Amino acid sequence: MYSFTTERRTLATWVFFGAFLLSVSFVSQGECQITPLPPTPCSAHRICDNCVPHAKCLWCFTTNNCTEYPVSWLLPPASVCQLSQARWGVCWLNFEALIITLAVIGGVILLSIGVCCCCCCCCRKKRRSRPDRDDERVIARREEIKQRAEERTVERKERHDQIRKKYGLMSDSDHPYSKFENE
């Protein structure tokens, strides 16, 4: 009973300590602002380096202006800007290359996950089909023990038969009627 209460106190202490650290980390991470700054419209940015860090903004090199990203479309339509001339996130990578790169990386990740799953399934089947080295050792050890037990049984039977012959308890059974001759 004493150890249970001690463990409960220890657990409660750790939970309290964790909650305290969590609350202190949130308080220290928060910034105190009385009034939030109004968001800057995308059209106010005049160069690409100021435009693309904002996720809602898209820079177009054909028109050299910053526009809001059309969120109703997954990809910006050609009427807003050509994909090869659009920049989003970084200025040195066009939107078309960004999409292709992300698609290739995603495909490689999915392909590698699929290959890993197939390899794991195949390896499990191979492991199940043939016995392990440990299993082979256990089987060989069992056979060895069984063989020694049979040898001891045969030796015991021979010794018992010799003792029976010595004291006349076992007759020679050369012919089937030897049992009746001594009577």
Protein backbone atom coordinates (compact mmCIF):
# COMPACT_ATOMS: atom_id res chain seq x y z
CA MET A 1 0.00 0.00 0.00
CA TYR A 2 2.86 2.36 0.82
CA SER A 3 4.53 1.85 -2.58
CA PHE A 4 1.24 2.52 -4.39
CA THR A 5 0.77 5.89 -2.68
CA THR A 6 4.41 6.75 -3.28
CA GLU A 7 4.04 5.92 -6.98
CA ARG A 8 0.85 7.97 -7.15
CA ARG A 9 2.59 10.94 -5.55
CA THR A 10 5.51 10.58 -7.96
CA LEU A 11 3.16 10.39 -10.94
CA ALA A 12 1.16 13.37 -9.71
CA THR A 13 4.38 15.32 -9.21
CA TRP A 14 5.53 14.60 -12.76
CA VAL A 15 2.12 15.51 -14.21
CA PHE A 16 2.12 18.79 -12.26
CA PHE A 17 5.70 19.52 -13.36
CA GLY A 18 4.84 18.80 -17.03
CA ALA A 19 1.75 21.03 -16.89
CA PHE A 20 3.82 23.80 -15.33
CA LEU A 21 6.50 23.57 -18.05
CA LEU A 22 3.85 23.53 -20.77
CA SER A 23 2.12 26.62 -19.41
CA VAL A 24 5.43 28.48 -18.96
CA SER A 25 6.46 27.64 -22.54
CA PHE A 26 3.16 28.97 -23.91
CA VAL A 27 3.43 32.15 -21.88
CA SER A 28 7.03 32.74 -22.94
CA GLN A 29 6.23 32.08 -26.63
CA GLY A 30 3.27 34.45 -26.77
CA GLU A 31 3.70 38.02 -27.86
CA CYS A 32 1.73 40.70 -26.12
CA GLN A 33 0.14 43.08 -28.62
CA ILE A 34 -2.70 45.34 -27.77
CA THR A 35 -3.89 45.93 -31.33
CA PRO A 36 -2.98 43.70 -34.25
CA LEU A 37 -1.48 45.36 -37.30
CA PRO A 38 -3.76 45.41 -40.32
CA PRO A 39 -2.60 42.99 -43.04
CA THR A 40 -0.70 44.57 -45.88
CA PRO A 41 -2.48 44.11 -49.23
CA CYS A 42 -0.52 42.17 -51.83
CA SER A 43 -0.67 45.02 -54.33
CA ALA A 44 1.42 47.18 -51.95
CA HIS A 45 4.52 45.02 -52.56
CA ARG A 46 6.69 46.23 -55.43
CA ILE A 47 9.46 43.61 -55.53
CA CYS A 48 9.37 39.83 -55.54
CA ASP A 49 11.37 39.42 -52.31
CA ASN A 50 8.75 41.36 -50.33
CA CYS A 51 5.78 39.67 -52.03
CA VAL A 52 6.42 35.93 -51.88
CA PRO A 53 7.04 35.49 -48.13
CA HIS A 54 3.29 36.07 -47.64
CA ALA A 55 1.39 32.84 -48.40
CA LYS A 56 -1.59 34.73 -49.79
CA CYS A 57 0.48 36.62 -52.38
CA LEU A 58 1.71 35.58 -55.84
CA TRP A 59 4.37 37.41 -57.89
CA CYS A 60 4.12 37.46 -61.66
CA PHE A 61 7.26 38.32 -63.65
CA THR A 62 5.34 39.06 -66.85
CA THR A 63 3.49 41.99 -65.28
CA ASN A 64 5.98 42.62 -62.42
CA ASN A 65 3.22 42.92 -59.87
CA CYS A 66 2.10 41.14 -56.71
CA THR A 67 -1.47 39.80 -56.70
CA GLU A 68 -3.50 37.77 -54.29
CA TYR A 69 -3.28 34.03 -54.84
CA PRO A 70 -6.57 32.81 -56.33
CA VAL A 71 -7.61 30.41 -53.58
CA SER A 72 -10.64 29.23 -55.52
CA TRP A 73 -8.23 27.48 -57.91
CA LEU A 74 -5.58 24.96 -56.91
CA LEU A 75 -3.25 26.33 -59.58
CA PRO A 76 -3.42 29.97 -60.65
CA PRO A 77 -5.18 30.26 -64.03
CA ALA A 78 -3.33 31.62 -67.07
CA SER A 79 -5.43 34.79 -66.91
CA VAL A 80 -3.68 35.70 -63.63
CA CYS A 81 -0.17 34.62 -64.66
CA GLN A 82 1.55 31.87 -66.65
CA LEU A 83 2.89 29.07 -64.40
CA SER A 84 6.41 29.50 -65.75
CA GLN A 85 6.37 33.20 -64.78
CA ALA A 86 4.59 32.86 -61.40
CA ARG A 87 6.52 32.82 -58.13
CA TRP A 88 5.10 31.68 -54.80
CA GLY A 89 7.09 31.03 -51.63
CA VAL A 90 10.50 31.86 -53.13
CA CYS A 91 11.56 34.10 -56.00
CA TRP A 92 14.20 31.84 -57.49
CA LEU A 93 11.81 28.93 -58.26
CA ASN A 94 8.94 29.31 -60.68
CA PHE A 95 5.56 27.84 -59.84
CA GLU A 96 5.73 25.24 -62.61
CA ALA A 97 9.06 23.85 -61.36
CA LEU A 98 7.76 23.93 -57.79
CA ILE A 99 4.73 21.82 -58.75
CA ILE A 100 6.85 19.36 -60.73
CA THR A 101 9.39 19.07 -57.91
CA LEU A 102 6.73 18.49 -55.26
CA ALA A 103 5.00 15.93 -57.49
CA VAL A 104 8.26 14.04 -58.07
CA ILE A 105 9.17 14.09 -54.36
CA GLY A 106 5.67 12.93 -53.43
CA GLY A 107 5.81 10.17 -56.04
CA VAL A 108 9.21 8.99 -54.82
CA ILE A 109 7.97 8.92 -51.23
CA LEU A 110 4.84 6.97 -52.17
CA LEU A 111 6.84 4.59 -54.35
CA SER A 112 9.40 3.96 -51.60
CA ILE A 113 6.63 3.32 -49.06
CA GLY A 114 5.03 0.86 -51.49
CA VAL A 115 8.34 -0.92 -52.13
CA CYS A 116 9.07 -1.12 -48.40
CA CYS A 117 5.61 -2.59 -47.73
CA CYS A 118 6.06 -5.17 -50.50
CA CYS A 119 9.53 -6.10 -49.25
CA CYS A 120 8.28 -6.49 -45.70
CA CYS A 121 5.41 -8.70 -46.84
CA CYS A 122 7.72 -10.87 -48.96
CA CYS A 123 10.29 -11.18 -46.17
CA ARG A 124 7.60 -12.26 -43.72
CA LYS A 125 6.41 -14.95 -46.10
CA LYS A 126 9.98 -16.21 -46.57
CA ARG A 127 10.58 -16.25 -42.83
CA ARG A 128 7.38 -18.18 -42.25
CA SER A 129 8.11 -20.72 -44.99
CA ARG A 130 11.55 -21.79 -43.79
CA PRO A 131 12.47 -22.42 -40.19
CA ASP A 132 14.78 -20.07 -38.39
CA ARG A 133 18.26 -21.09 -37.25
CA ASP A 134 16.98 -21.17 -33.69
CA ASP A 135 14.07 -23.38 -34.72
CA GLU A 136 16.47 -25.71 -36.51
CA ARG A 137 18.67 -25.93 -33.41
CA VAL A 138 15.68 -26.70 -31.21
CA ILE A 139 14.48 -29.43 -33.59
CA ALA A 140 17.97 -30.96 -33.80
CA ARG A 141 18.28 -30.90 -29.99
CA ARG A 142 14.91 -32.64 -29.61
CA GLU A 143 15.93 -35.34 -32.07
CA GLU A 144 19.21 -35.86 -30.23
CA ILE A 145 17.44 -36.19 -26.87
CA LYS A 146 14.90 -38.59 -28.36
CA GLN A 147 17.66 -40.74 -29.89
CA ARG A 148 19.58 -40.94 -26.58
CA ALA A 149 16.39 -41.89 -24.75
CA GLU A 150 15.75 -44.71 -27.23
CA GLU A 151 19.34 -45.96 -26.83
CA ARG A 152 18.99 -46.01 -23.04
CA THR A 153 15.67 -47.88 -23.35
CA VAL A 154 17.30 -50.53 -25.53
CA GLU A 155 20.28 -50.87 -23.10
CA ARG A 156 17.91 -51.21 -20.12
CA LYS A 157 15.90 -53.89 -21.91
CA GLU A 158 19.08 -55.85 -22.70
CA ARG A 159 20.24 -55.65 -19.06
CA HIS A 160 16.87 -56.79 -17.78
CA ASP A 161 16.81 -59.66 -20.25
CA GLN A 162 20.31 -60.76 -19.11
CA ILE A 163 19.21 -60.70 -15.48
CA ARG A 164 16.07 -62.70 -16.29
CA LYS A 165 18.15 -65.32 -18.15
CA LYS A 166 20.65 -65.51 -15.28
CA TYR A 167 17.97 -66.30 -12.71
CA GLY A 168 15.91 -68.48 -15.02
CA LEU A 169 12.99 -66.16 -15.21
CA MET A 170 13.22 -66.02 -18.94
CA SER A 171 13.19 -69.20 -20.90
CA ASP A 172 14.69 -69.75 -24.30
CA SER A 173 11.97 -69.33 -26.78
CA ASP A 174 13.54 -71.27 -29.61
CA HIS A 175 10.40 -73.24 -30.20
CA PRO A 176 6.82 -72.41 -29.28
CA TYR A 177 6.32 -75.37 -26.81
CA SER A 178 9.41 -74.79 -24.65
CA LYS A 179 7.21 -73.40 -21.93
CA PHE A 180 5.47 -76.78 -21.45
CA GLU A 181 8.56 -78.99 -21.40
CA ASN A 182 9.67 -78.15 -17.86
CA GLU A 183 6.35 -79.12 -16.29
